[in-house]
Amino acid sequence: VEFVESGGGLVQPGESLRLSCATSGFAFNNNVMSWYRQTPGKERELVARMFLDGSPPYYADSVKGRFTISRDNAKSMLYLQMNALKPEDTGAYLCGPLWRTFWGQGTLVTVSS
């Protein structure tokens, strides 16, 4: 099982980024997938979640209206479009299904002027 997050970087407030998560080794199509944010000294925070039954995605209040989660089942890929970025969006972003218990470094997003 593998998760490879990419697309992070250093941007100014108000700019956009698109994160990607390449997955392998499990049935991506059959799993609810999520994006999380990890910042030093804080617990991992659920940012967005995409369900399988057509229900609207979940977004943390802090990102509603600015972030959009999407998936490509044919490619086993998860995406997070991040618009109007704010300094408080800074952190390492990681993706995974509900059962993911091992975590890598993710992709680092830094929003700073």
N, C-alpha and C. Protein backbone atom coordinates (compact mmCIF):
# COMPACT_ATOMS: atom_id res chain seq x y z
N VAL A 1 0.85 -1.19 0.00
CA VAL A 1 0.00 0.00 0.00
C VAL A 1 0.89 1.23 0.00
N GLU A 2 0.56 2.17 -0.87
CA GLU A 2 1.40 3.35 -0.97
C GLU A 2 0.56 4.60 -1.21
N PHE A 3 1.00 5.70 -0.59
CA PHE A 3 0.38 7.01 -0.79
C PHE A 3 1.50 8.01 -1.08
N VAL A 4 1.41 8.71 -2.19
CA VAL A 4 2.43 9.70 -2.53
C VAL A 4 1.73 11.03 -2.78
N GLU A 5 1.90 11.94 -1.82
CA GLU A 5 1.31 13.27 -1.95
C GLU A 5 2.29 14.21 -2.64
N SER A 6 1.76 15.10 -3.47
CA SER A 6 2.62 16.05 -4.17
C SER A 6 1.84 17.32 -4.48
N GLY A 7 2.57 18.35 -4.92
CA GLY A 7 1.93 19.58 -5.35
C GLY A 7 2.05 20.74 -4.39
N GLY A 8 2.63 20.49 -3.22
CA GLY A 8 2.80 21.57 -2.26
C GLY A 8 3.87 22.55 -2.69
N GLY A 9 4.00 23.63 -1.92
CA GLY A 9 5.01 24.63 -2.21
C GLY A 9 4.82 25.87 -1.38
N LEU A 10 5.61 26.88 -1.69
CA LEU A 10 5.53 28.18 -1.01
C LEU A 10 4.74 29.14 -1.90
N VAL A 11 3.65 29.64 -1.37
CA VAL A 11 2.82 30.58 -2.13
C VAL A 11 2.46 31.76 -1.26
N GLN A 12 2.01 32.83 -1.90
CA GLN A 12 1.56 34.01 -1.17
C GLN A 12 0.07 33.90 -0.85
N PRO A 13 -0.37 34.60 0.17
CA PRO A 13 -1.81 34.60 0.48
C PRO A 13 -2.63 34.98 -0.75
N GLY A 14 -3.73 34.26 -0.95
CA GLY A 14 -4.59 34.53 -2.09
C GLY A 14 -4.31 33.67 -3.30
N GLU A 15 -3.17 33.02 -3.33
CA GLU A 15 -2.82 32.17 -4.47
C GLU A 15 -3.44 30.78 -4.33
N SER A 16 -3.19 29.96 -5.35
CA SER A 16 -3.80 28.63 -5.40
C SER A 16 -2.74 27.54 -5.55
N LEU A 17 -3.12 26.35 -5.12
CA LEU A 17 -2.32 25.15 -5.33
C LEU A 17 -3.26 23.99 -5.60
N ARG A 18 -2.75 23.00 -6.33
CA ARG A 18 -3.50 21.76 -6.52
C ARG A 18 -2.65 20.61 -6.03
N LEU A 19 -3.12 19.95 -5.00
CA LEU A 19 -2.42 18.80 -4.46
C LEU A 19 -2.90 17.52 -5.13
N SER A 20 -1.98 16.57 -5.27
CA SER A 20 -2.31 15.26 -5.83
C SER A 20 -1.87 14.18 -4.87
N CYS A 21 -2.59 13.07 -4.88
CA CYS A 21 -2.24 11.91 -4.07
C CYS A 21 -2.34 10.68 -4.96
N ALA A 22 -1.19 10.09 -5.23
CA ALA A 22 -1.15 8.85 -6.00
C ALA A 22 -1.19 7.68 -5.04
N THR A 23 -2.08 6.75 -5.30
CA THR A 23 -2.22 5.61 -4.41
C THR A 23 -2.04 4.30 -5.16
N SER A 24 -1.70 3.25 -4.42
CA SER A 24 -1.59 1.93 -5.00
C SER A 24 -1.68 0.89 -3.90
N GLY A 25 -1.99 -0.33 -4.31
CA GLY A 25 -1.97 -1.44 -3.35
C GLY A 25 -3.26 -1.73 -2.63
N PHE A 26 -4.31 -1.02 -2.96
CA PHE A 26 -5.61 -1.29 -2.36
C PHE A 26 -6.70 -0.86 -3.32
N ALA A 27 -7.93 -1.22 -3.01
CA ALA A 27 -9.07 -0.93 -3.90
C ALA A 27 -9.53 0.50 -3.71
N PHE A 28 -8.85 1.40 -4.41
CA PHE A 28 -9.15 2.83 -4.29
C PHE A 28 -10.63 3.12 -4.53
N ASN A 29 -11.18 2.49 -5.55
CA ASN A 29 -12.58 2.75 -5.92
C ASN A 29 -13.55 2.48 -4.78
N ASN A 30 -13.21 1.59 -3.86
CA ASN A 30 -14.12 1.16 -2.81
C ASN A 30 -13.88 1.84 -1.48
N ASN A 31 -13.08 2.91 -1.49
CA ASN A 31 -12.72 3.55 -0.24
C ASN A 31 -13.07 5.03 -0.20
N VAL A 32 -13.66 5.43 0.92
CA VAL A 32 -13.81 6.85 1.21
C VAL A 32 -12.40 7.42 1.39
N MET A 33 -12.15 8.55 0.76
CA MET A 33 -10.80 9.13 0.79
C MET A 33 -10.83 10.53 1.39
N SER A 34 -9.76 10.86 2.07
CA SER A 34 -9.70 12.14 2.78
C SER A 34 -8.36 12.82 2.60
N TRP A 35 -8.38 14.12 2.80
CA TRP A 35 -7.17 14.93 2.94
C TRP A 35 -7.09 15.40 4.39
N TYR A 36 -5.88 15.35 4.95
CA TYR A 36 -5.62 15.80 6.30
C TYR A 36 -4.51 16.84 6.28
N ARG A 37 -4.45 17.64 7.34
CA ARG A 37 -3.38 18.63 7.49
C ARG A 37 -2.71 18.42 8.84
N GLN A 38 -1.39 18.41 8.81
CA GLN A 38 -0.60 18.23 10.03
C GLN A 38 0.28 19.46 10.22
N THR A 39 0.17 20.08 11.39
CA THR A 39 1.04 21.20 11.71
C THR A 39 1.73 20.88 13.04
N PRO A 40 2.95 21.40 13.24
CA PRO A 40 3.70 21.07 14.46
C PRO A 40 2.92 21.42 15.71
N GLY A 41 2.91 20.51 16.64
CA GLY A 41 2.27 20.76 17.92
C GLY A 41 0.77 20.59 17.94
N LYS A 42 0.20 20.23 16.81
CA LYS A 42 -1.26 20.04 16.73
C LYS A 42 -1.59 18.64 16.25
N GLU A 43 -2.78 18.20 16.57
CA GLU A 43 -3.23 16.91 16.06
C GLU A 43 -3.53 17.02 14.57
N ARG A 44 -3.43 15.88 13.91
CA ARG A 44 -3.77 15.85 12.48
C ARG A 44 -5.24 16.25 12.31
N GLU A 45 -5.48 17.13 11.37
CA GLU A 45 -6.82 17.71 11.18
C GLU A 45 -7.42 17.22 9.87
N LEU A 46 -8.66 16.77 9.92
CA LEU A 46 -9.37 16.40 8.70
C LEU A 46 -9.75 17.67 7.94
N VAL A 47 -9.32 17.75 6.71
CA VAL A 47 -9.58 18.93 5.88
C VAL A 47 -10.76 18.68 4.95
N ALA A 48 -10.77 17.55 4.28
CA ALA A 48 -11.84 17.25 3.32
C ALA A 48 -11.98 15.74 3.17
N ARG A 49 -13.19 15.31 2.89
CA ARG A 49 -13.47 13.88 2.74
C ARG A 49 -14.46 13.70 1.61
N MET A 50 -14.19 12.69 0.78
CA MET A 50 -15.07 12.41 -0.35
C MET A 50 -15.66 11.03 -0.18
N PHE A 51 -16.98 10.95 -0.24
CA PHE A 51 -17.70 9.72 0.02
C PHE A 51 -17.95 8.96 -1.27
N LEU A 52 -18.50 7.75 -1.14
CA LEU A 52 -18.72 6.88 -2.29
C LEU A 52 -20.17 6.87 -2.76
N ASP A 53 -21.06 7.36 -1.92
CA ASP A 53 -22.48 7.20 -2.20
C ASP A 53 -23.12 8.44 -2.82
N GLY A 54 -22.27 9.38 -3.27
CA GLY A 54 -22.81 10.57 -3.88
C GLY A 54 -23.13 11.68 -2.90
N SER A 55 -22.92 11.43 -1.60
CA SER A 55 -23.14 12.48 -0.61
C SER A 55 -22.19 13.64 -0.86
N PRO A 56 -22.58 14.84 -0.51
CA PRO A 56 -21.67 15.99 -0.68
C PRO A 56 -20.39 15.77 0.12
N PRO A 57 -19.27 16.21 -0.40
CA PRO A 57 -18.03 16.07 0.35
C PRO A 57 -18.09 16.82 1.67
N TYR A 58 -17.29 16.37 2.62
CA TYR A 58 -17.14 17.10 3.88
C TYR A 58 -15.95 18.05 3.76
N TYR A 59 -16.11 19.25 4.27
CA TYR A 59 -15.00 20.21 4.37
C TYR A 59 -14.95 20.77 5.78
N ALA A 60 -13.75 20.92 6.29
CA ALA A 60 -13.59 21.64 7.55
C ALA A 60 -14.09 23.07 7.35
N ASP A 61 -14.66 23.64 8.40
CA ASP A 61 -15.22 24.99 8.29
C ASP A 61 -14.17 25.98 7.78
N SER A 62 -12.94 25.78 8.16
CA SER A 62 -11.89 26.73 7.82
C SER A 62 -11.57 26.76 6.33
N VAL A 63 -11.99 25.72 5.58
CA VAL A 63 -11.64 25.66 4.15
C VAL A 63 -12.87 25.67 3.24
N LYS A 64 -14.06 25.66 3.81
CA LYS A 64 -15.28 25.65 3.00
C LYS A 64 -15.32 26.82 2.05
N GLY A 65 -15.68 26.53 0.81
CA GLY A 65 -15.78 27.57 -0.19
C GLY A 65 -14.45 27.88 -0.88
N ARG A 66 -13.37 27.34 -0.36
CA ARG A 66 -12.04 27.61 -0.94
C ARG A 66 -11.36 26.36 -1.47
N PHE A 67 -11.62 25.23 -0.85
CA PHE A 67 -10.98 23.97 -1.24
C PHE A 67 -12.01 23.07 -1.91
N THR A 68 -11.54 22.28 -2.86
CA THR A 68 -12.39 21.29 -3.52
C THR A 68 -11.65 19.97 -3.63
N ILE A 69 -12.27 18.92 -3.11
CA ILE A 69 -11.70 17.59 -3.20
C ILE A 69 -12.30 16.87 -4.40
N SER A 70 -11.46 16.09 -5.07
CA SER A 70 -11.95 15.31 -6.21
C SER A 70 -11.11 14.03 -6.32
N ARG A 71 -11.60 13.11 -7.12
CA ARG A 71 -10.89 11.84 -7.28
C ARG A 71 -11.01 11.35 -8.71
N ASP A 72 -10.03 10.58 -9.14
CA ASP A 72 -10.05 9.91 -10.44
C ASP A 72 -9.88 8.43 -10.16
N ASN A 73 -10.98 7.70 -10.15
CA ASN A 73 -10.92 6.28 -9.80
C ASN A 73 -10.11 5.47 -10.80
N ALA A 74 -10.14 5.88 -12.07
CA ALA A 74 -9.40 5.15 -13.10
C ALA A 74 -7.90 5.20 -12.85
N LYS A 75 -7.45 6.30 -12.23
CA LYS A 75 -6.02 6.47 -11.97
C LYS A 75 -5.66 6.27 -10.50
N SER A 76 -6.64 5.96 -9.67
CA SER A 76 -6.42 5.82 -8.23
C SER A 76 -5.77 7.07 -7.65
N MET A 77 -6.28 8.22 -8.06
CA MET A 77 -5.72 9.51 -7.65
C MET A 77 -6.75 10.32 -6.89
N LEU A 78 -6.26 11.06 -5.90
CA LEU A 78 -7.08 11.99 -5.13
C LEU A 78 -6.47 13.37 -5.30
N TYR A 79 -7.33 14.39 -5.37
CA TYR A 79 -6.86 15.76 -5.59
C TYR A 79 -7.47 16.70 -4.56
N LEU A 80 -6.77 17.82 -4.34
CA LEU A 80 -7.31 18.89 -3.51
C LEU A 80 -6.95 20.22 -4.18
N GLN A 81 -7.95 20.88 -4.72
CA GLN A 81 -7.76 22.21 -5.28
C GLN A 81 -7.91 23.21 -4.15
N MET A 82 -6.89 24.02 -3.96
CA MET A 82 -6.85 24.95 -2.84
C MET A 82 -6.77 26.36 -3.41
N ASN A 83 -7.81 27.14 -3.22
CA ASN A 83 -7.86 28.51 -3.72
C ASN A 83 -7.87 29.50 -2.56
N ALA A 84 -7.55 30.73 -2.86
CA ALA A 84 -7.57 31.80 -1.85
C ALA A 84 -6.86 31.37 -0.58
N LEU A 85 -5.66 30.88 -0.75
CA LEU A 85 -4.92 30.34 0.39
C LEU A 85 -4.62 31.41 1.42
N LYS A 86 -4.63 30.96 2.68
CA LYS A 86 -4.36 31.84 3.81
C LYS A 86 -3.17 31.30 4.60
N PRO A 87 -2.50 32.13 5.37
CA PRO A 87 -1.37 31.64 6.17
C PRO A 87 -1.74 30.48 7.08
N GLU A 88 -2.97 30.47 7.57
CA GLU A 88 -3.38 29.38 8.45
C GLU A 88 -3.59 28.06 7.74
N ASP A 89 -3.50 28.05 6.42
CA ASP A 89 -3.56 26.81 5.66
C ASP A 89 -2.21 26.09 5.64
N THR A 90 -1.19 26.75 6.15
CA THR A 90 0.15 26.17 6.15
C THR A 90 0.18 24.86 6.92
N GLY A 91 0.87 23.87 6.35
CA GLY A 91 1.01 22.59 7.01
C GLY A 91 1.38 21.51 6.01
N ALA A 92 1.59 20.31 6.54
CA ALA A 92 1.83 19.15 5.69
C ALA A 92 0.49 18.50 5.39
N TYR A 93 0.23 18.25 4.13
CA TYR A 93 -1.04 17.67 3.71
C TYR A 93 -0.83 16.21 3.34
N LEU A 94 -1.69 15.37 3.88
CA LEU A 94 -1.61 13.93 3.64
C LEU A 94 -2.97 13.41 3.24
N CYS A 95 -2.96 12.33 2.49
CA CYS A 95 -4.22 11.76 2.04
C CYS A 95 -4.33 10.32 2.53
N GLY A 96 -5.55 9.78 2.51
CA GLY A 96 -5.69 8.39 2.86
C GLY A 96 -7.11 7.95 3.03
N PRO A 97 -7.32 6.64 3.04
CA PRO A 97 -8.63 6.09 3.35
C PRO A 97 -8.85 6.11 4.86
N LEU A 98 -10.03 5.71 5.29
CA LEU A 98 -10.38 5.78 6.70
C LEU A 98 -9.47 4.92 7.57
N TRP A 99 -8.94 3.86 6.98
CA TRP A 99 -8.16 2.91 7.77
C TRP A 99 -6.65 3.19 7.78
N ARG A 100 -6.23 4.30 7.18
CA ARG A 100 -4.79 4.56 7.14
C ARG A 100 -4.29 4.86 8.55
N THR A 101 -3.26 4.14 8.99
CA THR A 101 -2.70 4.34 10.32
C THR A 101 -1.22 4.67 10.30
N PHE A 102 -0.60 4.53 9.13
CA PHE A 102 0.82 4.87 9.03
C PHE A 102 0.91 6.10 8.15
N TRP A 103 1.72 7.04 8.60
CA TRP A 103 1.74 8.36 7.95
C TRP A 103 3.15 8.75 7.57
N GLY A 104 3.29 9.29 6.36
CA GLY A 104 4.57 9.81 5.90
C GLY A 104 4.64 11.30 6.15
N GLN A 105 5.45 11.97 5.36
CA GLN A 105 5.65 13.41 5.54
C GLN A 105 4.64 14.24 4.77
N GLY A 106 3.95 13.63 3.82
CA GLY A 106 2.98 14.38 3.04
C GLY A 106 3.66 15.40 2.14
N THR A 107 2.88 16.38 1.70
CA THR A 107 3.41 17.46 0.88
C THR A 107 3.21 18.77 1.63
N LEU A 108 4.26 19.57 1.72
CA LEU A 108 4.24 20.76 2.56
C LEU A 108 3.70 21.97 1.80
N VAL A 109 2.74 22.61 2.40
CA VAL A 109 2.16 23.85 1.88
C VAL A 109 2.53 24.97 2.85
N THR A 110 3.16 26.00 2.31
CA THR A 110 3.52 27.17 3.11
C THR A 110 2.92 28.40 2.46
N VAL A 111 2.08 29.10 3.21
CA VAL A 111 1.44 30.30 2.71
C VAL A 111 1.99 31.48 3.50
N SER A 112 2.74 32.30 2.82
CA SER A 112 3.41 33.41 3.50
C SER A 112 3.72 34.52 2.52
N SER A 113 3.62 35.74 3.02
CA SER A 113 3.99 36.88 2.19
C SER A 113 5.44 37.27 2.42
